[in-house]
């Protein structure tokens, strides 16, 4: 059986006073979790002073020289202490403004703009934006991935930082564990994240991150969408009687779900590893409401997933989506779920 992670309270340090902020919950894994390495920027390179730096330096020296010339009324002392100090100051200004400031480099600026601001990054699409056409058009794919998924990623990082958890919730495993505590309705998880607004932000955006990660990674171009393999096929037959019955149950749930949400094919690791269909509202994750449920396939039925092409015809979207399900990826997830529960 795999080692489970647990939430523990870090005891307050001996030096903390009564007015110290609340002792926060810390997430610790019994198994060593991979820590994301800190990003290292390029080394600072010396450069020639910029025109602005040289001008500032010259102006400072000139001003100091003029001040020295008029201060005593006698002959100018070219190397007076005041001029020497002014020259040194001018050199310092020039160095500060130009000596360590290289000319802007477009590639470096773009890389800096794209650098993550937290532990989670937007996974790239595993196929071209138009690869799933005609089931999912390129425009929808681009907006869904590059805008909606990217927004969930950025807001998740911000919420973790606000909760003081950005240094401990650093990978998918720790995020799934956190969502099991804060990712359900009814105020659950207050002991982990006390602020209800921050807790809701983690629930919504953390769920959005893991849900979309699964969604995009379990689709493939129609030409590669082979039927379920033996292991998964047998599990589906055991849970539903046949693949067609599973598909009918999943489709019915997807077309009948009110509002925005997700439809899942899950493995019930607490119920004999049987596969079944379930739904969640908004960006909630299945295991938050029912511990032990592990999703292996998920369909996003938020309107942003289909409205550009299908408008209000969600059933058409659901029917087309079946043609691009990557059953090999679903089976890998199924086998991982079974192994993790062993």
Protein backbone atom coordinates (compact mmCIF):
# COMPACT_ATOMS: atom_id res chain seq x y z
CA UNK A 1 0.00 0.00 0.00
CA UNK A 2 1.35 3.41 -0.83
CA UNK A 3 2.23 5.80 1.93
CA UNK A 4 -0.45 8.38 2.55
CA UNK A 5 0.20 11.98 3.33
CA UNK A 6 -1.17 13.70 6.39
CA UNK A 7 -1.81 17.18 7.68
CA UNK A 8 0.10 18.08 10.83
CA UNK A 9 0.26 21.21 12.96
CA UNK A 10 3.64 22.84 13.29
CA UNK A 11 4.05 23.67 17.04
CA UNK A 12 4.74 27.34 17.79
CA UNK A 13 8.34 28.29 18.39
CA UNK A 14 9.42 29.00 21.96
CA UNK A 15 10.00 32.63 21.12
CA UNK A 16 6.48 33.26 19.84
CA UNK A 17 4.33 35.54 21.94
CA UNK A 18 0.62 35.53 22.59
CA UNK A 19 0.05 38.04 19.79
CA UNK A 20 1.83 35.95 17.17
CA UNK A 21 -0.37 35.02 14.12
CA UNK A 22 -2.23 31.71 14.33
CA UNK A 23 -0.31 28.51 14.09
CA UNK A 24 -0.87 27.44 10.53
CA UNK A 25 -1.45 24.00 9.33
CA UNK A 26 1.38 22.52 7.37
CA UNK A 27 1.18 19.75 4.84
CA UNK A 28 3.77 17.02 5.21
CA UNK A 29 4.10 13.83 3.24
CA UNK A 30 5.42 10.66 4.74
CA UNK A 31 6.97 9.89 1.38
CA UNK A 32 9.56 12.38 0.16
CA UNK A 33 7.89 14.82 -2.22
CA UNK A 34 9.79 16.26 -5.09
CA UNK A 35 10.48 19.91 -4.52
CA UNK A 36 10.45 22.24 -7.45
CA UNK A 37 13.89 23.82 -7.97
CA UNK A 38 14.08 27.55 -7.73
CA UNK A 39 14.31 29.30 -11.05
CA UNK A 40 17.69 30.82 -11.74
CA UNK A 41 17.92 33.93 -13.83
CA UNK A 42 20.80 34.75 -16.17
CA UNK A 43 23.97 36.18 -14.61
CA UNK A 44 24.23 39.95 -14.48
CA UNK A 45 26.59 41.16 -17.16
CA UNK A 46 28.53 44.41 -17.08
CA UNK A 47 27.70 46.84 -19.84
CA UNK A 48 28.85 50.24 -21.00
CA UNK A 49 27.07 53.15 -19.34
CA UNK A 50 23.89 54.12 -21.13
CA UNK A 51 23.60 57.68 -22.51
CA UNK A 52 21.21 58.51 -19.67
CA UNK A 53 23.73 57.30 -17.10
CA UNK A 54 26.58 59.24 -18.68
CA UNK A 55 24.46 62.40 -18.80
CA UNK A 56 23.49 62.07 -15.16
CA UNK A 57 27.13 61.57 -14.20
CA UNK A 58 28.31 64.56 -16.20
CA UNK A 59 25.59 66.78 -14.81
CA UNK A 60 26.45 65.83 -11.25
CA UNK A 61 30.13 66.58 -11.80
CA UNK A 62 29.40 69.90 -13.50
CA UNK A 63 27.07 71.02 -10.75
CA UNK A 64 29.59 70.19 -8.08
CA UNK A 65 32.36 71.99 -9.95
CA UNK A 66 30.25 75.13 -10.36
CA UNK A 67 29.35 75.10 -6.68
CA UNK A 68 33.00 74.81 -5.72
CA UNK A 69 33.99 77.69 -8.03
CA UNK A 70 31.56 80.12 -6.42
CA UNK A 71 31.93 79.13 -2.81
CA UNK A 72 35.10 80.87 -1.74
CA UNK A 73 35.45 83.82 -4.10
CA UNK A 74 39.19 82.97 -4.68
CA UNK A 75 41.04 81.00 -7.33
CA UNK A 76 39.39 77.69 -8.31
CA UNK A 77 40.87 74.62 -6.68
CA UNK A 78 40.48 72.05 -9.49
CA UNK A 79 41.24 69.10 -7.28
CA UNK A 80 39.48 70.28 -4.19
CA UNK A 81 37.90 67.73 -1.91
CA UNK A 82 34.43 68.78 -3.04
CA UNK A 83 35.18 68.11 -6.73
CA UNK A 84 36.76 64.76 -5.93
CA UNK A 85 33.68 63.72 -3.98
CA UNK A 86 31.40 64.94 -6.75
CA UNK A 87 33.34 62.98 -9.33
CA UNK A 88 33.05 59.86 -7.22
CA UNK A 89 29.33 60.41 -6.83
CA UNK A 90 28.96 60.90 -10.57
CA UNK A 91 30.79 57.66 -11.23
CA UNK A 92 28.56 55.85 -8.75
CA UNK A 93 25.41 57.20 -10.40
CA UNK A 94 26.71 56.20 -13.81
CA UNK A 95 27.52 52.71 -12.59
CA UNK A 96 24.14 52.32 -10.91
CA UNK A 97 22.21 53.39 -13.98
CA UNK A 98 24.34 51.96 -16.74
CA UNK A 99 27.12 49.72 -15.51
CA UNK A 100 24.92 46.77 -14.68
CA UNK A 101 22.02 47.41 -17.02
CA UNK A 102 22.31 45.49 -20.27
CA UNK A 103 20.26 46.38 -23.31
CA UNK A 104 16.80 44.75 -23.25
CA UNK A 105 16.76 41.31 -24.88
CA UNK A 106 13.38 40.27 -26.30
CA UNK A 107 13.95 36.56 -25.65
CA UNK A 108 14.93 37.16 -22.03
CA UNK A 109 11.97 39.50 -21.50
CA UNK A 110 9.58 36.93 -22.92
CA UNK A 111 11.05 34.20 -20.72
CA UNK A 112 10.72 36.39 -17.64
CA UNK A 113 7.10 37.19 -18.49
CA UNK A 114 6.33 33.49 -18.89
CA UNK A 115 8.10 32.45 -15.68
CA UNK A 116 5.73 30.94 -13.11
CA UNK A 117 4.92 32.90 -9.97
CA UNK A 118 4.29 29.82 -7.87
CA UNK A 119 4.82 26.06 -7.71
CA UNK A 120 2.33 25.18 -10.46
CA UNK A 121 2.82 25.79 -14.16
CA UNK A 122 0.44 25.50 -17.10
CA UNK A 123 1.03 22.12 -18.77
CA UNK A 124 1.43 22.41 -22.54
CA UNK A 125 -1.15 20.86 -24.81
CA UNK A 126 -0.03 17.32 -25.75
CA UNK A 127 -1.22 17.92 -29.34
CA UNK A 128 -1.77 20.81 -31.73
CA UNK A 129 -4.72 23.11 -31.06
CA UNK A 130 -6.49 21.87 -34.20
CA UNK A 131 -5.59 18.19 -33.72
CA UNK A 132 -9.00 17.23 -32.30
CA UNK A 133 -11.08 18.80 -35.05
CA UNK A 134 -13.86 18.43 -35.96
CA UNK A 135 -14.85 17.27 -32.47
CA UNK A 136 -13.18 20.24 -30.76
CA UNK A 137 -12.24 23.23 -32.90
CA UNK A 138 -8.92 25.06 -32.66
CA UNK A 139 -10.48 28.31 -31.43
CA UNK A 140 -12.19 26.59 -28.52
CA UNK A 141 -9.07 24.60 -27.70
CA UNK A 142 -6.91 27.72 -27.66
CA UNK A 143 -9.25 29.77 -25.48
CA UNK A 144 -9.95 26.83 -23.16
CA UNK A 145 -6.30 25.97 -22.60
CA UNK A 146 -4.45 29.27 -22.99
CA UNK A 147 -7.00 31.47 -21.21
CA UNK A 148 -9.23 29.47 -18.85
CA UNK A 149 -6.72 26.80 -17.78
CA UNK A 150 -3.98 29.42 -17.51
CA UNK A 151 -6.20 31.57 -15.28
CA UNK A 152 -6.90 28.66 -12.93
CA UNK A 153 -3.15 28.01 -12.71
CA UNK A 154 -2.25 31.60 -11.88
CA UNK A 155 -5.05 31.99 -9.34
CA UNK A 156 -4.14 28.69 -7.68
CA UNK A 157 -0.59 29.93 -7.11
CA UNK A 158 -1.93 33.20 -5.70
CA UNK A 159 -4.32 31.38 -3.36
CA UNK A 160 -1.59 29.07 -2.06
CA UNK A 161 0.61 32.08 -1.37
CA UNK A 162 -2.24 33.79 0.49
CA UNK A 163 -2.72 30.63 2.60
CA UNK A 164 1.00 30.37 3.36
CA UNK A 165 1.15 27.00 1.60
CA UNK A 166 3.13 27.81 -1.55
CA UNK A 167 6.25 26.17 -0.13
CA UNK A 168 4.55 22.93 0.93
CA UNK A 169 1.89 22.27 -1.71
CA UNK A 170 4.32 21.98 -4.60
CA UNK A 171 3.18 19.03 -6.72
CA UNK A 172 0.06 17.25 -7.91
CA UNK A 173 0.04 14.71 -5.07
CA UNK A 174 0.12 17.35 -2.33
CA UNK A 175 -2.48 19.44 -4.17
CA UNK A 176 -4.85 16.48 -4.42
CA UNK A 177 -4.45 15.89 -0.71
CA UNK A 178 -5.16 19.53 0.07
CA UNK A 179 -8.26 19.49 -2.13
CA UNK A 180 -9.49 16.47 -0.21
CA UNK A 181 -9.59 18.73 2.84
CA UNK A 182 -10.77 22.05 1.40
CA UNK A 183 -12.32 21.02 -1.91
CA UNK A 184 -15.86 20.23 -0.80
CA UNK A 185 -18.92 22.30 -0.04
CA UNK A 186 -20.11 22.93 3.48
CA UNK A 187 -17.14 24.74 4.96
CA UNK A 188 -14.92 21.68 5.20
CA UNK A 189 -11.21 22.30 5.67
CA UNK A 190 -11.34 25.25 8.06
CA UNK A 191 -8.58 23.74 10.17
CA UNK A 192 -6.23 23.75 7.19
CA UNK A 193 -7.06 27.16 5.70
CA UNK A 194 -8.95 29.35 8.16
CA UNK A 195 -9.87 32.19 5.81
CA UNK A 196 -13.05 31.10 3.98
CA UNK A 197 -12.29 33.29 0.96
CA UNK A 198 -8.82 31.79 0.54
CA UNK A 199 -10.24 28.32 1.12
CA UNK A 200 -12.79 28.89 -1.65
CA UNK A 201 -10.07 30.17 -3.98
CA UNK A 202 -8.03 27.01 -3.44
CA UNK A 203 -11.09 24.83 -3.90
CA UNK A 204 -12.14 26.52 -7.15
CA UNK A 205 -8.77 27.10 -8.76
CA UNK A 206 -7.04 24.00 -7.41
CA UNK A 207 -9.94 21.95 -8.70
CA UNK A 208 -9.77 23.80 -12.00
CA UNK A 209 -6.09 22.95 -12.27
CA UNK A 210 -6.29 19.20 -11.58
CA UNK A 211 -9.55 18.75 -13.50
CA UNK A 212 -8.21 20.42 -16.64
CA UNK A 213 -4.92 18.55 -16.36
CA UNK A 214 -6.84 15.29 -16.58
CA UNK A 215 -9.21 16.56 -19.27
CA UNK A 216 -6.55 17.62 -21.77
CA UNK A 217 -4.34 14.59 -21.11
CA UNK A 218 -7.07 12.02 -21.81
CA UNK A 219 -7.89 13.16 -25.33
CA UNK A 220 -6.11 12.34 -28.60
CA UNK A 221 -6.73 12.82 -32.32
CA UNK A 222 -9.58 10.61 -33.52
CA UNK A 223 -7.26 8.51 -35.70
CA UNK A 224 -5.40 7.39 -32.57
CA UNK A 225 -8.45 6.89 -30.34
CA UNK A 226 -8.42 3.09 -30.10
CA UNK A 227 -11.08 1.26 -28.02
CA UNK A 228 -10.42 0.46 -24.34
CA UNK A 229 -7.79 -2.21 -23.76
CA UNK A 230 -8.38 -5.52 -21.99
CA UNK A 231 -7.85 -4.48 -18.37
CA UNK A 232 -10.04 -1.39 -18.54
CA UNK A 233 -12.60 -3.12 -20.74
CA UNK A 234 -13.04 -5.85 -18.17
CA UNK A 235 -13.42 -3.28 -15.39
CA UNK A 236 -16.08 -1.43 -17.39
CA UNK A 237 -17.94 -4.66 -18.09
CA UNK A 238 -17.82 -5.50 -14.40
CA UNK A 239 -19.18 -2.11 -13.38
CA UNK A 240 -21.79 -1.53 -16.08
CA UNK A 241 -22.33 -4.78 -17.95
CA UNK A 242 -20.84 -3.46 -21.20
CA UNK A 243 -19.01 -0.53 -22.72
CA UNK A 244 -22.18 0.68 -24.42
CA UNK A 245 -24.04 0.78 -21.11
CA UNK A 246 -21.21 2.76 -19.51
CA UNK A 247 -21.21 5.21 -22.42
CA UNK A 248 -24.99 5.63 -22.17
CA UNK A 249 -24.79 6.31 -18.41
CA UNK A 250 -21.94 8.80 -18.87
CA UNK A 251 -23.71 10.59 -21.72
CA UNK A 252 -26.94 10.83 -19.75
CA UNK A 253 -25.08 12.36 -16.80
CA UNK A 254 -23.26 14.83 -19.08
CA UNK A 255 -26.34 16.06 -20.90
CA UNK A 256 -28.45 16.17 -17.75
CA UNK A 257 -26.03 17.98 -15.42
CA UNK A 258 -27.54 21.34 -14.52
CA UNK A 259 -25.27 24.34 -14.92
CA UNK A 260 -21.50 24.06 -15.02
CA UNK A 261 -19.53 21.06 -13.85
CA UNK A 262 -17.84 17.80 -14.71
CA UNK A 263 -18.78 14.20 -15.47
CA UNK A 264 -16.37 11.48 -14.36
CA UNK A 265 -15.57 7.85 -14.83
CA UNK A 266 -14.05 7.00 -11.47
CA UNK A 267 -12.52 4.05 -9.67
CA UNK A 268 -14.03 3.56 -6.23
CA UNK A 269 -10.93 2.42 -4.35
CA UNK A 270 -12.95 2.26 -1.14
CA UNK A 271 -15.65 0.15 -2.77
CA UNK A 272 -13.89 -2.82 -4.30
CA UNK A 273 -12.21 -0.84 -7.12
CA UNK A 274 -15.39 -0.79 -9.15
CA UNK A 275 -15.73 1.82 -11.88
CA UNK A 276 -18.75 4.08 -11.94
CA UNK A 277 -20.00 7.41 -13.24
CA UNK A 278 -20.37 10.48 -11.04
CA UNK A 279 -20.65 14.25 -11.43
CA UNK A 280 -19.37 17.32 -9.62
CA UNK A 281 -20.49 20.94 -9.77
CA UNK A 282 -18.26 23.83 -10.79
CA UNK A 283 -14.60 22.79 -10.30
CA UNK A 284 -15.13 20.41 -7.38
CA UNK A 285 -13.13 17.18 -7.39
CA UNK A 286 -14.77 13.76 -6.88
CA UNK A 287 -12.70 12.64 -3.89
CA UNK A 288 -13.54 15.72 -1.81
CA UNK A 289 -17.16 14.67 -1.41
CA UNK A 290 -16.53 10.91 -1.51
CA UNK A 291 -13.09 9.82 -0.29
CA UNK A 292 -11.64 6.97 -2.31
CA UNK A 293 -12.97 8.06 -5.71
CA UNK A 294 -10.16 8.36 -8.26
CA UNK A 295 -11.12 9.89 -11.63
CA UNK A 296 -9.68 8.25 -14.72
CA UNK A 297 -11.74 10.12 -17.33
CA UNK A 298 -13.43 13.50 -17.10
CA UNK A 299 -15.58 15.64 -19.38
CA UNK A 300 -15.78 19.39 -18.90
CA UNK A 301 -19.35 20.56 -19.48
CA UNK A 302 -18.75 24.21 -18.65
CA UNK A 303 -19.92 26.28 -21.61
CA UNK A 304 -16.38 27.56 -22.20
CA UNK A 305 -15.50 24.00 -23.30
CA UNK A 306 -17.90 23.93 -26.25
CA UNK A 307 -19.96 27.10 -26.79
CA UNK A 308 -17.91 28.64 -29.62
CA UNK A 309 -18.69 25.64 -31.84
CA UNK A 310 -21.80 24.00 -30.42
CA UNK A 311 -23.59 26.98 -28.86
CA UNK A 312 -26.35 25.57 -26.63
CA UNK A 313 -26.18 22.06 -28.12
CA UNK A 314 -24.35 20.29 -25.33
CA UNK A 315 -25.51 16.82 -26.46
CA UNK A 316 -23.73 17.33 -29.80
CA UNK A 317 -20.52 18.26 -27.98
CA UNK A 318 -20.74 15.20 -25.75
CA UNK A 319 -21.34 12.88 -28.69
CA UNK A 320 -18.40 14.32 -30.64
CA UNK A 321 -16.10 14.14 -27.61
CA UNK A 322 -16.33 10.34 -27.49
CA UNK A 323 -14.41 10.17 -30.77
CA UNK A 324 -11.28 11.75 -29.24
CA UNK A 325 -11.06 9.93 -25.88
CA UNK A 326 -7.57 8.52 -25.36
CA UNK A 327 -8.46 5.11 -23.91
CA UNK A 328 -4.80 4.14 -23.54
CA UNK A 329 -4.29 7.13 -21.20
CA UNK A 330 -7.51 6.27 -19.33
CA UNK A 331 -6.29 2.70 -18.81
CA UNK A 332 -2.95 3.94 -17.45
CA UNK A 333 -4.82 6.06 -14.94
CA UNK A 334 -7.01 3.12 -14.03
CA UNK A 335 -3.99 0.88 -13.39
CA UNK A 336 -2.31 3.61 -11.32
CA UNK A 337 -5.46 3.98 -9.22
CA UNK A 338 -5.61 0.25 -8.56
CA UNK A 339 -1.92 0.12 -7.68
CA UNK A 340 -2.19 3.08 -5.30
CA UNK A 341 -5.02 1.35 -3.42
CA UNK A 342 -3.19 -1.97 -3.10
